[in-house]
Amino acid sequence: MLPEPYVLEHLPLEACLYYIASNANGRLSLNVDALPLILPTPYSYRGDKLELPVPEQDRIRHSIDGSVVALETGGIDPNTLEGYSVQAIGVAKLISRSKIKDLSERVTRNCFDCVEIYPTIIRGTLIHSGR
């Protein structure tokens, strides 16, 4: 439940980039077999690209490469019910782990493949009390 009254406020790009860079876990949104799929995932943000693991399931690996995907990170404080949500949207490029030497070990630990996403849209929303 959101605070009453509550306000949704646009986050400036600088704040969105701060939240993306300061977090390491998010939710990946993609289409698999014409249906939306949202997966929790660790990620790394370096410079202007996101790096994240791809589960070793053929239908996900085939669906993600070359597709528009979104990574969302955010949270809501359980006491104040205030928080934020930031989305980074771009085309995912499947990259074999063996070809990437500088990816974070945290990202590559439990996967065979990873994706790079160069976000073309980054947007965010702040949720807070209107009082």
Protein backbone atom coordinates (compact mmCIF):
# COMPACT_ATOMS: atom_id res chain seq x y z
CA MET A 1 0.00 0.00 0.00
CA LEU A 2 1.31 3.44 -0.92
CA PRO A 3 1.23 6.37 1.50
CA GLU A 4 -1.89 8.49 1.33
CA PRO A 5 -1.73 10.90 -0.33
CA TYR A 6 1.28 9.91 -2.40
CA VAL A 7 3.14 11.56 -5.24
CA LEU A 8 4.95 10.05 -8.20
CA GLU A 9 7.80 12.34 -9.17
CA HIS A 10 10.10 12.15 -12.19
CA LEU A 11 13.73 11.46 -11.27
CA PRO A 12 16.38 13.41 -13.21
CA LEU A 13 18.90 11.42 -15.23
CA GLU A 14 21.72 12.07 -12.73
CA ALA A 15 19.66 10.52 -9.91
CA CYS A 16 18.72 7.55 -12.10
CA LEU A 17 22.38 6.90 -12.92
CA TYR A 18 23.28 7.16 -9.23
CA TYR A 19 20.66 4.55 -8.27
CA ILE A 20 21.71 2.19 -11.07
CA ALA A 21 25.38 2.48 -10.14
CA SER A 22 24.78 2.12 -6.39
CA ASN A 23 22.75 -1.07 -6.66
CA ALA A 24 23.81 -4.54 -7.75
CA ASN A 25 20.49 -6.38 -7.99
CA GLY A 26 17.52 -5.74 -10.18
CA ARG A 27 14.78 -7.30 -12.27
CA LEU A 28 15.23 -8.12 -15.93
CA SER A 29 12.15 -7.83 -18.13
CA LEU A 30 12.01 -9.55 -21.51
CA ASN A 31 9.60 -11.39 -23.81
CA VAL A 32 9.83 -15.17 -24.05
CA ASP A 33 7.44 -17.04 -26.32
CA ALA A 34 5.43 -13.80 -26.78
CA LEU A 35 4.85 -13.45 -23.03
CA PRO A 36 6.53 -11.09 -20.55
CA LEU A 37 9.07 -12.63 -18.18
CA ILE A 38 10.58 -10.80 -15.21
CA LEU A 39 13.61 -12.33 -13.50
CA PRO A 40 15.60 -11.20 -10.47
CA THR A 41 19.25 -10.75 -11.43
CA PRO A 42 22.56 -9.41 -10.23
CA TYR A 43 24.10 -6.82 -12.52
CA SER A 44 27.09 -4.60 -12.96
CA TYR A 45 27.00 -1.07 -14.36
CA ARG A 46 30.21 0.20 -15.90
CA GLY A 47 30.49 3.41 -17.81
CA ASP A 48 27.56 3.29 -20.15
CA LYS A 49 26.74 -0.44 -20.17
CA LEU A 50 24.98 -2.97 -18.01
CA GLU A 51 26.31 -6.51 -17.70
CA LEU A 52 24.21 -9.36 -16.38
CA PRO A 53 24.04 -13.14 -16.42
CA VAL A 54 21.66 -15.15 -18.58
CA PRO A 55 20.05 -18.29 -17.14
CA GLU A 56 21.10 -21.47 -18.93
CA GLN A 57 17.71 -22.09 -20.49
CA ASP A 58 17.64 -22.18 -24.27
CA ARG A 59 14.33 -20.39 -24.64
CA ILE A 60 15.59 -17.45 -22.56
CA ARG A 61 18.99 -17.34 -24.26
CA HIS A 62 17.39 -17.36 -27.72
CA SER A 63 14.78 -14.75 -26.77
CA ILE A 64 17.16 -12.23 -25.23
CA ASP A 65 19.84 -11.83 -27.90
CA GLY A 66 19.07 -8.77 -30.01
CA SER A 67 15.84 -8.01 -28.14
CA VAL A 68 14.78 -4.88 -26.36
CA VAL A 69 14.89 -5.56 -22.62
CA ALA A 70 14.53 -3.54 -19.45
CA LEU A 71 16.42 -3.70 -16.19
CA GLU A 72 14.63 -2.24 -13.19
CA THR A 73 16.10 -1.51 -9.79
CA GLY A 74 14.45 0.16 -6.86
CA GLY A 75 12.80 -0.31 -3.56
CA ILE A 76 10.26 0.96 -1.08
CA ASP A 77 11.01 1.61 2.58
CA PRO A 78 8.67 -0.67 4.58
CA ASN A 79 8.19 1.95 7.30
CA THR A 80 7.57 5.10 5.27
CA LEU A 81 6.31 3.38 2.10
CA GLU A 82 8.46 5.81 0.12
CA GLY A 83 10.99 4.75 -2.49
CA TYR A 84 12.03 4.79 -6.12
CA SER A 85 12.10 2.77 -9.32
CA VAL A 86 14.64 3.20 -12.12
CA GLN A 87 14.47 1.47 -15.51
CA ALA A 88 17.25 1.11 -18.07
CA ILE A 89 16.00 0.01 -21.49
CA GLY A 90 18.08 -1.13 -24.43
CA VAL A 91 18.98 -3.93 -26.81
CA ALA A 92 20.63 -6.97 -25.20
CA LYS A 93 23.67 -8.50 -26.83
CA LEU A 94 24.46 -12.09 -25.84
CA ILE A 95 28.14 -12.57 -25.13
CA SER A 96 29.86 -15.83 -24.32
CA ARG A 97 31.47 -15.72 -20.91
CA SER A 98 34.70 -17.09 -22.37
CA LYS A 99 35.01 -13.96 -24.54
CA ILE A 100 34.64 -11.55 -21.63
CA LYS A 101 37.58 -11.21 -19.32
CA ASP A 102 36.66 -8.07 -17.43
CA LEU A 103 33.14 -8.90 -16.29
CA SER A 104 32.53 -8.86 -12.58
CA GLU A 105 32.96 -12.32 -11.00
CA ARG A 106 29.70 -11.66 -9.16
CA VAL A 107 27.88 -11.42 -12.50
CA THR A 108 29.56 -14.40 -14.17
CA ARG A 109 29.79 -16.81 -11.23
CA ASN A 110 26.74 -18.95 -12.00
CA CYS A 111 26.17 -18.51 -15.71
CA PHE A 112 27.55 -19.60 -19.00
CA ASP A 113 26.47 -16.56 -21.00
CA CYS A 114 26.09 -12.92 -20.17
CA VAL A 115 24.45 -9.97 -21.88
CA GLU A 116 25.56 -6.43 -22.38
CA ILE A 117 22.95 -3.72 -22.56
CA TYR A 118 23.75 -0.19 -23.65
CA PRO A 119 20.66 1.62 -22.39
CA THR A 120 19.05 4.05 -24.79
CA ILE A 121 16.33 5.01 -22.31
CA ILE A 122 16.94 5.57 -18.61
CA ARG A 123 14.05 6.84 -16.54
CA GLY A 124 12.98 6.81 -12.95
CA THR A 125 10.21 7.61 -10.54
CA LEU A 126 10.33 8.71 -6.92
CA ILE A 127 7.39 7.68 -4.72
CA HIS A 128 6.81 9.81 -1.63
CA SER A 129 4.18 11.26 0.63
CA GLY A 130 2.42 14.31 -0.72
CA ARG A 131 2.52 15.88 2.71
